[in-house]
Amino acid sequence: MYDTNDLVRAMQQMSVGASQASYPADVMSGTILSVKPLKVQVEQRFTISGDMLVVPEHLTEHEIKVTVESADTKEAGEPAHLHEYGGELTVKVHSPLKRGDHVQLIRQHGGQKFLLVGKVV
C-alpha cells in the first residue's frame, strides 16, 4: 500500500526530472593537461579525453583556403623592384591549445559528451 511518504518521494523525483529537463547542458571550466592526446581536467574533479570530447575545427590544426587581394610588395632588392602577389592560397592554422590553457566546456545532459568551446583569456 502507498502512503504519504511515497507520494512525497514521487513528487520530488518529478521535480528533479523537470528541473534537469530545463537545463539540458552545463557550462564548466577546465584546464588542458595534454594536447596529444587531448586531455582536460574539468573543475579539478575529473579528467576527460577521447570520445568524451567534441572539439570544433577552430581549436585544431587545419588548413583553410583564403583569397588575397592583388597587391605589390615593398620596394626591395638590387636593382629595386616590386613583386605582385595575390590570389587563392592555402593557409595552415595551428592549434591554439597548449598545456595549462584554461578552457570552457559545455557538458551535454547526462554528462557523457563535452563540447570544448574555447580558451578563456
PDB file of N, CA and C in Angstrom:
ATOM      1  N   MET A   1       0.829  -1.178   0.000  1.00  0.00           N
ATOM      2  CA  MET A   1       0.000   0.000   0.000  1.00  0.00           C
ATOM      3  C   MET A   1       0.880   1.250   0.000  1.00  0.00           C
ATOM      4  N   TYR A   2       0.467   2.279  -0.693  1.00  0.00           N
ATOM      5  CA  TYR A   2       1.201   3.539  -0.753  1.00  0.00           C
ATOM      6  C   TYR A   2       0.785   4.440   0.395  1.00  0.00           C
ATOM      7  N   ASP A   3       1.754   5.220   0.889  1.00  0.00           N
ATOM      8  CA  ASP A   3       1.424   6.203   1.929  1.00  0.00           C
ATOM      9  C   ASP A   3       1.874   7.588   1.482  1.00  0.00           C
ATOM     10  N   THR A   4       1.762   8.567   2.354  1.00  0.00           N
ATOM     11  CA  THR A   4       2.125   9.939   2.006  1.00  0.00           C
ATOM     12  C   THR A   4       3.596  10.086   1.683  1.00  0.00           C
ATOM     13  N   ASN A   5       4.463   9.312   2.326  1.00  0.00           N
ATOM     14  CA  ASN A   5       5.901   9.382   2.031  1.00  0.00           C
ATOM     15  C   ASN A   5       6.178   8.992   0.585  1.00  0.00           C
ATOM     16  N   ASP A   6       5.463   7.982   0.092  1.00  0.00           N
ATOM     17  CA  ASP A   6       5.624   7.564  -1.309  1.00  0.00           C
ATOM     18  C   ASP A   6       5.203   8.681  -2.261  1.00  0.00           C
ATOM     19  N   LEU A   7       4.117   9.363  -1.914  1.00  0.00           N
ATOM     20  CA  LEU A   7       3.645  10.470  -2.737  1.00  0.00           C
ATOM     21  C   LEU A   7       4.664  11.602  -2.749  1.00  0.00           C
ATOM     22  N   VAL A   8       5.229  11.920  -1.584  1.00  0.00           N
ATOM     23  CA  VAL A   8       6.230  12.980  -1.489  1.00  0.00           C
ATOM     24  C   VAL A   8       7.463  12.608  -2.308  1.00  0.00           C
ATOM     25  N   ARG A   9       7.941  11.375  -2.195  1.00  0.00           N
ATOM     26  CA  ARG A   9       9.111  10.923  -2.978  1.00  0.00           C
ATOM     27  C   ARG A   9       8.831  11.012  -4.481  1.00  0.00           C
ATOM     28  N   ALA A  10       7.644  10.601  -4.906  1.00  0.00           N
ATOM     29  CA  ALA A  10       7.291  10.662  -6.326  1.00  0.00           C
ATOM     30  C   ALA A  10       7.273  12.107  -6.810  1.00  0.00           C
ATOM     31  N   MET A  11       6.753  13.020  -6.001  1.00  0.00           N
ATOM     32  CA  MET A  11       6.730  14.430  -6.383  1.00  0.00           C
ATOM     33  C   MET A  11       8.140  15.006  -6.449  1.00  0.00           C
ATOM     34  N   GLN A  12       9.013  14.591  -5.516  1.00  0.00           N
ATOM     35  CA  GLN A  12      10.399  15.061  -5.539  1.00  0.00           C
ATOM     36  C   GLN A  12      11.096  14.584  -6.807  1.00  0.00           C
ATOM     37  N   GLN A  13      10.895  13.332  -7.182  1.00  0.00           N
ATOM     38  CA  GLN A  13      11.512  12.793  -8.396  1.00  0.00           C
ATOM     39  C   GLN A  13      11.017  13.529  -9.631  1.00  0.00           C
ATOM     40  N   MET A  14       9.738  13.832  -9.680  1.00  0.00           N
ATOM     41  CA  MET A  14       9.189  14.575 -10.817  1.00  0.00           C
ATOM     42  C   MET A  14       9.775  15.981 -10.869  1.00  0.00           C
ATOM     43  N   SER A  15       9.946  16.596  -9.708  1.00  0.00           N
ATOM     44  CA  SER A  15      10.509  17.938  -9.644  1.00  0.00           C
ATOM     45  C   SER A  15      11.944  17.956 -10.143  1.00  0.00           C
ATOM     46  N   VAL A  16      12.739  16.966  -9.692  1.00  0.00           N
ATOM     47  CA  VAL A  16      14.129  16.878 -10.143  1.00  0.00           C
ATOM     48  C   VAL A  16      14.181  16.642 -11.647  1.00  0.00           C
ATOM     49  N   GLY A  17      13.344  15.765 -12.161  1.00  0.00           N
ATOM     50  CA  GLY A  17      13.309  15.492 -13.598  1.00  0.00           C
ATOM     51  C   GLY A  17      12.949  16.725 -14.400  1.00  0.00           C
ATOM     52  N   ALA A  18      11.954  17.483 -13.928  1.00  0.00           N
ATOM     53  CA  ALA A  18      11.560  18.709 -14.630  1.00  0.00           C
ATOM     54  C   ALA A  18      12.667  19.741 -14.585  1.00  0.00           C
ATOM     55  N   SER A  19      13.348  19.841 -13.444  1.00  0.00           N
ATOM     56  CA  SER A  19      14.449  20.798 -13.308  1.00  0.00           C
ATOM     57  C   SER A  19      15.587  20.440 -14.252  1.00  0.00           C
ATOM     58  N   GLN A  20      15.940  19.169 -14.318  1.00  0.00           N
ATOM     59  CA  GLN A  20      17.027  18.747 -15.210  1.00  0.00           C
ATOM     60  C   GLN A  20      16.649  18.940 -16.669  1.00  0.00           C
ATOM     61  N   ALA A  21      15.381  18.730 -17.005  1.00  0.00           N
ATOM     62  CA  ALA A  21      14.944  18.890 -18.392  1.00  0.00           C
ATOM     63  C   ALA A  21      15.056  20.342 -18.831  1.00  0.00           C
ATOM     64  N   SER A  22      14.910  21.286 -17.903  1.00  0.00           N
ATOM     65  CA  SER A  22      15.008  22.689 -18.277  1.00  0.00           C
ATOM     66  C   SER A  22      16.447  23.156 -18.416  1.00  0.00           C
ATOM     67  N   TYR A  23      17.406  22.343 -17.978  1.00  0.00           N
ATOM     68  CA  TYR A  23      18.830  22.639 -18.120  1.00  0.00           C
ATOM     69  C   TYR A  23      19.496  21.478 -18.849  1.00  0.00           C
ATOM     70  N   PRO A  24      19.377  21.427 -20.183  1.00  0.00           N
ATOM     71  CA  PRO A  24      19.905  20.281 -20.919  1.00  0.00           C
ATOM     72  C   PRO A  24      21.428  20.238 -21.003  1.00  0.00           C
ATOM     73  N   ALA A  25      22.109  21.291 -20.547  1.00  0.00           N
ATOM     74  CA  ALA A  25      23.574  21.310 -20.616  1.00  0.00           C
ATOM     75  C   ALA A  25      24.120  22.158 -19.476  1.00  0.00           C
ATOM     76  N   ASP A  26      25.368  21.873 -19.088  1.00  0.00           N
ATOM     77  CA  ASP A  26      26.054  22.633 -18.051  1.00  0.00           C
ATOM     78  C   ASP A  26      27.298  23.267 -18.648  1.00  0.00           C
ATOM     79  N   VAL A  27      27.592  24.511 -18.273  1.00  0.00           N
ATOM     80  CA  VAL A  27      28.832  25.164 -18.673  1.00  0.00           C
ATOM     81  C   VAL A  27      29.842  24.901 -17.566  1.00  0.00           C
ATOM     82  N   MET A  28      31.019  24.398 -17.950  1.00  0.00           N
ATOM     83  CA  MET A  28      32.044  24.046 -16.981  1.00  0.00           C
ATOM     84  C   MET A  28      33.380  24.622 -17.436  1.00  0.00           C
ATOM     85  N   SER A  29      34.323  24.719 -16.518  1.00  0.00           N
ATOM     86  CA  SER A  29      35.657  25.180 -16.878  1.00  0.00           C
ATOM     87  C   SER A  29      36.635  24.034 -16.705  1.00  0.00           C
ATOM     88  N   GLY A  30      37.745  24.134 -17.420  1.00  0.00           N
ATOM     89  CA  GLY A  30      38.750  23.080 -17.355  1.00  0.00           C
ATOM     90  C   GLY A  30      40.134  23.607 -17.682  1.00  0.00           C
ATOM     91  N   THR A  31      41.104  22.721 -17.542  1.00  0.00           N
ATOM     92  CA  THR A  31      42.497  23.033 -17.841  1.00  0.00           C
ATOM     93  C   THR A  31      43.053  21.940 -18.742  1.00  0.00           C
ATOM     94  N   ILE A  32      43.750  22.347 -19.809  1.00  0.00           N
ATOM     95  CA  ILE A  32      44.363  21.379 -20.718  1.00  0.00           C
ATOM     96  C   ILE A  32      45.528  20.709 -20.000  1.00  0.00           C
ATOM     97  N   LEU A  33      45.471  19.381 -19.876  1.00  0.00           N
ATOM     98  CA  LEU A  33      46.558  18.614 -19.271  1.00  0.00           C
ATOM     99  C   LEU A  33      47.570  18.191 -20.322  1.00  0.00           C
ATOM    100  N   SER A  34      47.079  17.810 -21.516  1.00  0.00           N
ATOM    101  CA  SER A  34      47.968  17.460 -22.623  1.00  0.00           C
ATOM    102  C   SER A  34      47.213  17.705 -23.926  1.00  0.00           C
ATOM    103  N   VAL A  35      47.984  17.943 -25.004  1.00  0.00           N
ATOM    104  CA  VAL A  35      47.385  18.237 -26.302  1.00  0.00           C
ATOM    105  C   VAL A  35      47.302  16.990 -27.169  1.00  0.00           C
ATOM    106  N   LYS A  36      48.339  16.164 -27.155  1.00  0.00           N
ATOM    107  CA  LYS A  36      48.357  14.920 -27.946  1.00  0.00           C
ATOM    108  C   LYS A  36      48.722  13.770 -27.035  1.00  0.00           C
ATOM    109  N   PRO A  37      47.771  12.992 -26.567  1.00  0.00           N
ATOM    110  CA  PRO A  37      46.334  13.097 -26.815  1.00  0.00           C
ATOM    111  C   PRO A  37      45.730  14.216 -25.967  1.00  0.00           C
ATOM    112  N   LEU A  38      44.619  14.752 -26.441  1.00  0.00           N
ATOM    113  CA  LEU A  38      43.966  15.849 -25.733  1.00  0.00           C
ATOM    114  C   LEU A  38      43.311  15.324 -24.454  1.00  0.00           C
ATOM    115  N   LYS A  39      43.712  15.914 -23.320  1.00  0.00           N
ATOM    116  CA  LYS A  39      43.133  15.570 -22.017  1.00  0.00           C
ATOM    117  C   LYS A  39      42.823  16.864 -21.283  1.00  0.00           C
ATOM    118  N   VAL A  40      41.640  16.912 -20.666  1.00  0.00           N
ATOM    119  CA  VAL A  40      41.197  18.114 -19.968  1.00  0.00           C
ATOM    120  C   VAL A  40      40.800  17.747 -18.538  1.00  0.00           C
ATOM    121  N   GLN A  41      41.342  18.490 -17.584  1.00  0.00           N
ATOM    122  CA  GLN A  41      40.944  18.364 -16.180  1.00  0.00           C
ATOM    123  C   GLN A  41      39.746  19.294 -15.991  1.00  0.00           C
ATOM    124  N   VAL A  42      38.598  18.755 -15.626  1.00  0.00           N
ATOM    125  CA  VAL A  42      37.377  19.539 -15.502  1.00  0.00           C
ATOM    126  C   VAL A  42      37.150  19.917 -14.039  1.00  0.00           C
ATOM    127  N   GLU A  43      37.204  21.226 -13.782  1.00  0.00           N
ATOM    128  CA  GLU A  43      36.936  21.797 -12.468  1.00  0.00           C
ATOM    129  C   GLU A  43      37.607  21.023 -11.327  1.00  0.00           C
ATOM    130  N   GLN A  44      38.801  20.551 -11.550  1.00  0.00           N
ATOM    131  CA  GLN A  44      39.590  19.822 -10.562  1.00  0.00           C
ATOM    132  C   GLN A  44      38.827  18.638  -9.974  1.00  0.00           C
ATOM    133  N   ARG A  45      37.864  18.100 -10.757  1.00  0.00           N
ATOM    134  CA  ARG A  45      37.062  16.976 -10.267  1.00  0.00           C
ATOM    135  C   ARG A  45      37.349  15.693 -11.024  1.00  0.00           C
ATOM    136  N   PHE A  46      37.513  15.795 -12.353  1.00  0.00           N
ATOM    137  CA  PHE A  46      37.739  14.597 -13.155  1.00  0.00           C
ATOM    138  C   PHE A  46      38.424  14.981 -14.458  1.00  0.00           C
ATOM    139  N   THR A  47      38.980  13.975 -15.135  1.00  0.00           N
ATOM    140  CA  THR A  47      39.695  14.170 -16.397  1.00  0.00           C
ATOM    141  C   THR A  47      38.886  13.541 -17.526  1.00  0.00           C
ATOM    142  N   ILE A  48      38.819  14.246 -18.662  1.00  0.00           N
ATOM    143  CA  ILE A  48      38.138  13.699 -19.836  1.00  0.00           C
ATOM    144  C   ILE A  48      39.085  13.703 -21.023  1.00  0.00           C
ATOM    145  N   SER A  49      38.843  12.784 -21.950  1.00  0.00           N
ATOM    146  CA  SER A  49      39.656  12.700 -23.167  1.00  0.00           C
ATOM    147  C   SER A  49      38.916  11.847 -24.191  1.00  0.00           C
ATOM    148  N   GLY A  50      39.525  11.700 -25.351  1.00  0.00           N
ATOM    149  CA  GLY A  50      38.998  10.806 -26.377  1.00  0.00           C
ATOM    150  C   GLY A  50      37.597  11.131 -26.835  1.00  0.00           C
ATOM    151  N   ASP A  51      36.745  10.099 -26.889  1.00  0.00           N
ATOM    152  CA  ASP A  51      35.384  10.235 -27.416  1.00  0.00           C
ATOM    153  C   ASP A  51      34.491  11.127 -26.565  1.00  0.00           C
ATOM    154  N   MET A  52      34.907  11.436 -25.348  1.00  0.00           N
ATOM    155  CA  MET A  52      34.085  12.305 -24.498  1.00  0.00           C
ATOM    156  C   MET A  52      34.178  13.764 -24.940  1.00  0.00           C
ATOM    157  N   LEU A  53      35.227  14.108 -25.693  1.00  0.00           N
ATOM    158  CA  LEU A  53      35.457  15.485 -26.114  1.00  0.00           C
ATOM    159  C   LEU A  53      35.016  15.713 -27.552  1.00  0.00           C
ATOM    160  N   VAL A  54      34.268  16.777 -27.760  1.00  0.00           N
ATOM    161  CA  VAL A  54      33.913  17.231 -29.100  1.00  0.00           C
ATOM    162  C   VAL A  54      34.674  18.540 -29.296  1.00  0.00           C
ATOM    163  N   VAL A  55      35.587  18.539 -30.273  1.00  0.00           N
ATOM    164  CA  VAL A  55      36.465  19.691 -30.476  1.00  0.00           C
ATOM    165  C   VAL A  55      36.128  20.348 -31.814  1.00  0.00           C
ATOM    166  N   PRO A  56      35.728  21.624 -31.799  1.00  0.00           N
ATOM    167  CA  PRO A  56      35.424  22.317 -33.050  1.00  0.00           C
ATOM    168  C   PRO A  56      36.697  22.574 -33.864  1.00  0.00           C
ATOM    169  N   GLU A  57      36.522  22.719 -35.160  1.00  0.00           N
ATOM    170  CA  GLU A  57      37.654  22.879 -36.072  1.00  0.00           C
ATOM    171  C   GLU A  57      38.567  24.039 -35.685  1.00  0.00           C
ATOM    172  N   HIS A  58      38.006  25.152 -35.212  1.00  0.00           N
ATOM    173  CA  HIS A  58      38.840  26.318 -34.932  1.00  0.00           C
ATOM    174  C   HIS A  58      39.841  26.078 -33.798  1.00  0.00           C
ATOM    175  N   LEU A  59      39.698  24.975 -33.061  1.00  0.00           N
ATOM    176  CA  LEU A  59      40.653  24.647 -31.994  1.00  0.00           C
ATOM    177  C   LEU A  59      41.608  23.526 -32.396  1.00  0.00           C
ATOM    178  N   THR A  60      41.629  23.205 -33.666  1.00  0.00           N
ATOM    179  CA  THR A  60      42.517  22.150 -34.161  1.00  0.00           C
ATOM    180  C   THR A  60      43.477  22.716 -35.201  1.00  0.00           C
ATOM    181  N   GLU A  61      44.511  21.955 -35.491  1.00  0.00           N
ATOM    182  CA  GLU A  61      45.405  22.317 -36.586  1.00  0.00           C
ATOM    183  C   GLU A  61      44.715  21.876 -37.875  1.00  0.00           C
ATOM    184  N   HIS A  62      44.518  22.824 -38.784  1.00  0.00           N
ATOM    185  CA  HIS A  62      43.832  22.506 -40.026  1.00  0.00           C
ATOM    186  C   HIS A  62      44.257  23.489 -41.119  1.00  0.00           C
ATOM    187  N   GLU A  63      43.877  23.177 -42.342  1.00  0.00           N
ATOM    188  CA  GLU A  63      44.187  24.058 -43.466  1.00  0.00           C
ATOM    189  C   GLU A  63      42.915  24.687 -43.992  1.00  0.00           C
ATOM    190  N   ILE A  64      43.026  25.963 -44.380  1.00  0.00           N
ATOM    191  CA  ILE A  64      41.903  26.656 -44.994  1.00  0.00           C
ATOM    192  C   ILE A  64      42.404  27.377 -46.245  1.00  0.00           C
ATOM    193  N   LYS A  65      41.488  27.634 -47.143  1.00  0.00           N
ATOM    194  CA  LYS A  65      41.829  28.394 -48.343  1.00  0.00           C
ATOM    195  C   LYS A  65      41.373  29.829 -48.132  1.00  0.00           C
ATOM    196  N   VAL A  66      42.260  30.754 -48.480  1.00  0.00           N
ATOM    197  CA  VAL A  66      41.941  32.172 -48.379  1.00  0.00           C
ATOM    198  C   VAL A  66      42.262  32.834 -49.704  1.00  0.00           C
ATOM    199  N   THR A  67      41.600  33.949 -49.957  1.00  0.00           N
ATOM    200  CA  THR A  67      41.883  34.726 -51.155  1.00  0.00           C
ATOM    201  C   THR A  67      42.516  36.037 -50.724  1.00  0.00           C
ATOM    202  N   VAL A  68      43.684  36.331 -51.310  1.00  0.00           N
ATOM    203  CA  VAL A  68      44.401  37.560 -51.012  1.00  0.00           C
ATOM    204  C   VAL A  68      44.224  38.489 -52.208  1.00  0.00           C
ATOM    205  N   GLU A  69      43.777  39.715 -51.918  1.00  0.00           N
ATOM    206  CA  GLU A  69      43.614  40.694 -52.985  1.00  0.00           C
ATOM    207  C   GLU A  69      44.988  41.000 -53.585  1.00  0.00           C
ATOM    208  N   SER A  70      45.030  41.230 -54.847  1.00  0.00           N
ATOM    209  CA  SER A  70      46.271  41.520 -55.550  1.00  0.00           C
ATOM    210  C   SER A  70      46.902  42.800 -55.003  1.00  0.00           C
ATOM    211  N   ALA A  71      48.193  42.717 -54.751  1.00  0.00           N
ATOM    212  CA  ALA A  71      48.930  43.872 -54.230  1.00  0.00           C
ATOM    213  C   ALA A  71      50.394  43.724 -54.605  1.00  0.00           C
ATOM    214  N   ASP A  72      51.162  44.768 -54.335  1.00  0.00           N
ATOM    215  CA  ASP A  72      52.604  44.739 -54.586  1.00  0.00           C
ATOM    216  C   ASP A  72      53.338  44.731 -53.254  1.00  0.00           C
ATOM    217  N   THR A  73      54.516  44.102 -53.242  1.00  0.00           N
ATOM    218  CA  THR A  73      55.364  44.126 -52.051  1.00  0.00           C
ATOM    219  C   THR A  73      56.051  45.481 -51.959  1.00  0.00           C
ATOM    220  N   LYS A  74      56.742  45.700 -50.850  1.00  0.00           N
ATOM    221  CA  LYS A  74      57.541  46.923 -50.713  1.00  0.00           C
ATOM    222  C   LYS A  74      58.723  46.833 -51.674  1.00  0.00           C
ATOM    223  N   GLU A  75      59.183  47.972 -52.070  1.00  0.00           N
ATOM    224  CA  GLU A  75      60.321  48.028 -52.981  1.00  0.00           C
ATOM    225  C   GLU A  75      61.549  47.461 -52.270  1.00  0.00           C
ATOM    226  N   ALA A  76      62.238  46.534 -52.951  1.00  0.00           N
ATOM    227  CA  ALA A  76      63.414  45.902 -52.339  1.00  0.00           C
ATOM    228  C   ALA A  76      64.325  45.367 -53.435  1.00  0.00           C
ATOM    229  N   GLY A  77      65.477  44.894 -53.022  1.00  0.00           N
ATOM    230  CA  GLY A  77      66.405  44.243 -53.946  1.00  0.00           C
ATOM    231  C   GLY A  77      67.299  45.216 -54.674  1.00  0.00           C
ATOM    232  N   GLU A  78      68.180  44.625 -55.465  1.00  0.00           N
ATOM    233  CA  GLU A  78      69.141  45.403 -56.238  1.00  0.00           C
ATOM    234  C   GLU A  78      69.072  44.914 -57.671  1.00  0.00           C
ATOM    235  N   PRO A  79      68.637  45.574 -58.643  1.00  0.00           N
ATOM    236  CA  PRO A  79      68.026  46.899 -58.571  1.00  0.00           C
ATOM    237  C   PRO A  79      66.655  46.813 -57.879  1.00  0.00           C
ATOM    238  N   ALA A  80      66.221  47.930 -57.310  1.00  0.00           N
ATOM    239  CA  ALA A  80      64.950  47.981 -56.583  1.00  0.00           C
ATOM    240  C   ALA A  80      63.809  47.553 -57.504  1.00  0.00           C
ATOM    241  N   HIS A  81      62.939  46.697 -56.961  1.00  0.00           N
ATOM    242  CA  HIS A  81      61.823  46.194 -57.761  1.00  0.00           C
ATOM    243  C   HIS A  81      60.671  45.771 -56.836  1.00  0.00           C
ATOM    244  N   LEU A  82      59.517  45.488 -57.430  1.00  0.00           N
ATOM    245  CA  LEU A  82      58.323  45.050 -56.703  1.00  0.00           C
ATOM    246  C   LEU A  82      57.913  43.669 -57.188  1.00  0.00           C
ATOM    247  N   HIS A  83      57.247  42.907 -56.303  1.00  0.00           N
ATOM    248  CA  HIS A  83      56.656  41.624 -56.686  1.00  0.00           C
ATOM    249  C   HIS A  83      55.159  41.707 -56.446  1.00  0.00           C
ATOM    250  N   GLU A  84      54.399  41.273 -57.418  1.00  0.00           N
ATOM    251  CA  GLU A  84      52.957  41.248 -57.242  1.00  0.00           C
ATOM    252  C   GLU A  84      52.575  39.920 -56.594  1.00  0.00           C
ATOM    253  N   TYR A  85      51.634  39.974 -55.682  1.00  0.00           N
ATOM    254  CA  TYR A  85      51.137  38.734 -55.087  1.00  0.00           C
ATOM    255  C   TYR A  85      49.627  38.830 -54.949  1.00  0.00           C
ATOM    256  N   GLY A  86      48.987  37.698 -54.784  1.00  0.00           N
ATOM    257  CA  GLY A  86      47.538  37.667 -54.618  1.00  0.00           C
ATOM    258  C   GLY A  86      46.979  36.370 -55.135  1.00  0.00           C
ATOM    259  N   GLY A  87      45.682  36.205 -54.978  1.00  0.00           N
ATOM    260  CA  GLY A  87      45.017  35.001 -55.437  1.00  0.00           C
ATOM    261  C   GLY A  87      44.645  34.084 -54.281  1.00  0.00           C
ATOM    262  N   GLU A  88      44.327  32.850 -54.643  1.00  0.00           N
ATOM    263  CA  GLU A  88      43.907  31.876 -53.636  1.00  0.00           C
ATOM    264  C   GLU A  88      45.120  31.166 -53.047  1.00  0.00           C
ATOM    265  N   LEU A  89      45.182  31.131 -51.727  1.00  0.00           N
ATOM    266  CA  LEU A  89      46.279  30.479 -51.017  1.00  0.00           C
ATOM    267  C   LEU A  89      45.722  29.486 -50.014  1.00  0.00           C
ATOM    268  N   THR A  90      46.493  28.467 -49.705  1.00  0.00           N
ATOM    269  CA  THR A  90      46.143  27.544 -48.628  1.00  0.00           C
ATOM    270  C   THR A  90      46.986  27.914 -47.420  1.00  0.00           C
ATOM    271  N   VAL A  91      46.312  28.112 -46.291  1.00  0.00           N
ATOM    272  CA  VAL A  91      46.972  28.543 -45.070  1.00  0.00           C
ATOM    273  C   VAL A  91      46.787  27.469 -44.005  1.00  0.00           C
ATOM    274  N   LYS A  92      47.862  27.136 -43.294  1.00  0.00           N
ATOM    275  CA  LYS A  92      47.775  26.172 -42.207  1.00  0.00           C
ATOM    276  C   LYS A  92      47.524  26.930 -40.905  1.00  0.00           C
ATOM    277  N   VAL A  93      46.451  26.568 -40.204  1.00  0.00           N
ATOM    278  CA  VAL A  93      46.106  27.170 -38.925  1.00  0.00           C
ATOM    279  C   VAL A  93      46.559  26.198 -37.844  1.00  0.00           C
ATOM    280  N   HIS A  94      47.412  26.677 -36.960  1.00  0.00           N
ATOM    281  CA  HIS A  94      47.932  25.813 -35.897  1.00  0.00           C
ATOM    282  C   HIS A  94      47.001  25.841 -34.701  1.00  0.00           C
ATOM    283  N   SER A  95      46.922  24.720 -34.006  1.00  0.00           N
ATOM    284  CA  SER A  95      46.057  24.623 -32.840  1.00  0.00           C
ATOM    285  C   SER A  95      46.471  25.637 -31.788  1.00  0.00           C
ATOM    286  N   PRO A  96      45.517  26.413 -31.307  1.00  0.00           N
ATOM    287  CA  PRO A  96      45.858  27.395 -30.282  1.00  0.00           C
ATOM    288  C   PRO A  96      45.934  26.783 -28.881  1.00  0.00           C
ATOM    289  N   LEU A  97      45.587  25.518 -28.742  1.00  0.00           N
ATOM    290  CA  LEU A  97      45.577  24.899 -27.419  1.00  0.00           C
ATOM    291  C   LEU A  97      46.962  24.443 -27.007  1.00  0.00           C
ATOM    292  N   LYS A  98      47.286  24.681 -25.725  1.00  0.00           N
ATOM    293  CA  LYS A  98      48.541  24.172 -25.191  1.00  0.00           C
ATOM    294  C   LYS A  98      48.338  23.789 -23.730  1.00  0.00           C
ATOM    295  N   ARG A  99      49.247  22.998 -23.214  1.00  0.00           N
ATOM    296  CA  ARG A  99      49.165  22.528 -21.833  1.00  0.00           C
ATOM    297  C   ARG A  99      49.057  23.731 -20.886  1.00  0.00           C
ATOM    298  N   GLY A 100      48.123  23.649 -19.947  1.00  0.00           N
ATOM    299  CA  GLY A 100      47.936  24.719 -18.974  1.00  0.00           C
ATOM    300  C   GLY A 100      46.873  25.732 -19.354  1.00  0.00           C
ATOM    301  N   ASP A 101      46.402  25.712 -20.608  1.00  0.00           N
ATOM    302  CA  ASP A 101      45.352  26.645 -21.031  1.00  0.00           C
ATOM    303  C   ASP A 101      44.066  26.382 -20.245  1.00  0.00           C
ATOM    304  N   HIS A 102      43.372  27.468 -19.921  1.00  0.00           N
ATOM    305  CA  HIS A 102      42.058  27.361 -19.286  1.00  0.00           C
ATOM    306  C   HIS A 102      41.008  27.420 -20.387  1.00  0.00           C
ATOM    307  N   VAL A 103      40.045  26.505 -20.333  1.00  0.00           N
ATOM    308  CA  VAL A 103      39.044  26.386 -21.386  1.00  0.00           C
ATOM    309  C   VAL A 103      37.631  26.333 -20.796  1.00  0.00           C
ATOM    310  N   GLN A 104      36.650  26.608 -21.641  1.00  0.00           N
ATOM    311  CA  GLN A 104      35.247  26.468 -21.281  1.00  0.00           C
ATOM    312  C   GLN A 104      34.691  25.275 -22.021  1.00  0.00           C
ATOM    313  N   LEU A 105      33.857  24.512 -21.330  1.00  0.00           N
ATOM    314  CA  LEU A 105      33.231  23.331 -21.912  1.00  0.00           C
ATOM    315  C   LEU A 105      31.736  23.384 -21.652  1.00  0.00           C
ATOM    316  N   ILE A 106      30.986  22.762 -22.530  1.00  0.00           N
ATOM    317  CA  ILE A 106      29.557  22.585 -22.304  1.00  0.00           C
ATOM    318  C   ILE A 106      29.331  21.083 -22.189  1.00  0.00           C
ATOM    319  N   ARG A 107      28.826  20.681 -21.024  1.00  0.00           N
ATOM    320  CA  ARG A 107      28.557  19.253 -20.807  1.00  0.00           C
ATOM    321  C   ARG A 107      27.139  18.949 -21.240  1.00  0.00           C
ATOM    322  N   GLN A 108      27.024  17.966 -22.107  1.00  0.00           N
ATOM    323  CA  GLN A 108      25.726  17.526 -22.582  1.00  0.00           C
ATOM    324  C   GLN A 108      24.959  16.916 -21.412  1.00  0.00           C
ATOM    325  N   HIS A 109      23.642  17.063 -21.412  1.00  0.00           N
ATOM    326  CA  HIS A 109      22.815  16.474 -20.359  1.00  0.00           C
ATOM    327  C   HIS A 109      23.128  14.980 -20.263  1.00  0.00           C
ATOM    328  N   GLY A 110      23.418  14.519 -19.104  1.00  0.00           N
ATOM    329  CA  GLY A 110      23.799  13.127 -18.909  1.00  0.00           C
ATOM    330  C   GLY A 110      25.294  12.982 -18.695  1.00  0.00           C
ATOM    331  N   GLY A 111      26.076  13.965 -19.131  1.00  0.00           N
ATOM    332  CA  GLY A 111      27.486  14.022 -18.809  1.00  0.00           C
ATOM    333  C   GLY A 111      28.432  13.142 -19.593  1.00  0.00           C
ATOM    334  N   GLN A 112      28.027  12.596 -20.739  1.00  0.00           N
ATOM    335  CA  GLN A 112      28.920  11.705 -21.479  1.00  0.00           C
ATOM    336  C   GLN A 112      29.699  12.403 -22.587  1.00  0.00           C
ATOM    337  N   LYS A 113      29.277  13.576 -22.999  1.00  0.00           N
ATOM    338  CA  LYS A 113      29.968  14.345 -24.050  1.00  0.00           C
ATOM    339  C   LYS A 113      30.194  15.768 -23.562  1.00  0.00           C
ATOM    340  N   PHE A 114      31.358  16.318 -23.947  1.00  0.00           N
ATOM    341  CA  PHE A 114      31.719  17.676 -23.574  1.00  0.00           C
ATOM    342  C   PHE A 114      32.165  18.414 -24.832  1.00  0.00           C
ATOM    343  N   LEU A 115      31.528  19.552 -25.124  1.00  0.00           N
ATOM    344  CA  LEU A 115      31.916  20.383 -26.251  1.00  0.00           C
ATOM    345  C   LEU A 115      32.936  21.395 -25.739  1.00  0.00           C
ATOM    346  N   LEU A 116      34.141  21.359 -26.303  1.00  0.00           N
ATOM    347  CA  LEU A 116      35.187  22.306 -25.940  1.00  0.00           C
ATOM    348  C   LEU A 116      34.915  23.590 -26.724  1.00  0.00           C
ATOM    349  N   VAL A 117      34.442  24.614 -26.031  1.00  0.00           N
ATOM    350  CA  VAL A 117      34.007  25.841 -26.694  1.00  0.00           C
ATOM    351  C   VAL A 117      35.174  26.726 -27.089  1.00  0.00           C
ATOM    352  N   GLY A 118      36.119  26.928 -26.178  1.00  0.00           N
ATOM    353  CA  GLY A 118      37.251  27.785 -26.495  1.00  0.00           C
ATOM    354  C   GLY A 118      38.092  28.063 -25.291  1.00  0.00           C
ATOM    355  N   LYS A 119      39.166  28.831 -25.519  1.00  0.00           N
ATOM    356  CA  LYS A 119      40.077  29.221 -24.449  1.00  0.00           C
ATOM    357  C   LYS A 119      39.500  30.408 -23.685  1.00  0.00           C
ATOM    358  N   VAL A 120      39.844  30.461 -22.398  1.00  0.00           N
ATOM    359  CA  VAL A 120      39.492  31.604 -21.567  1.00  0.00           C
ATOM    360  C   VAL A 120      40.760  32.430 -21.419  1.00  0.00           C
ATOM    361  N   VAL A 121      40.698  33.704 -21.824  1.00  0.00           N
ATOM    362  CA  VAL A 121      41.887  34.569 -21.752  1.00  0.00           C
ATOM    363  C   VAL A 121      41.683  35.681 -20.764  1.00  0.00           C
TER     364      VAL A 121
END
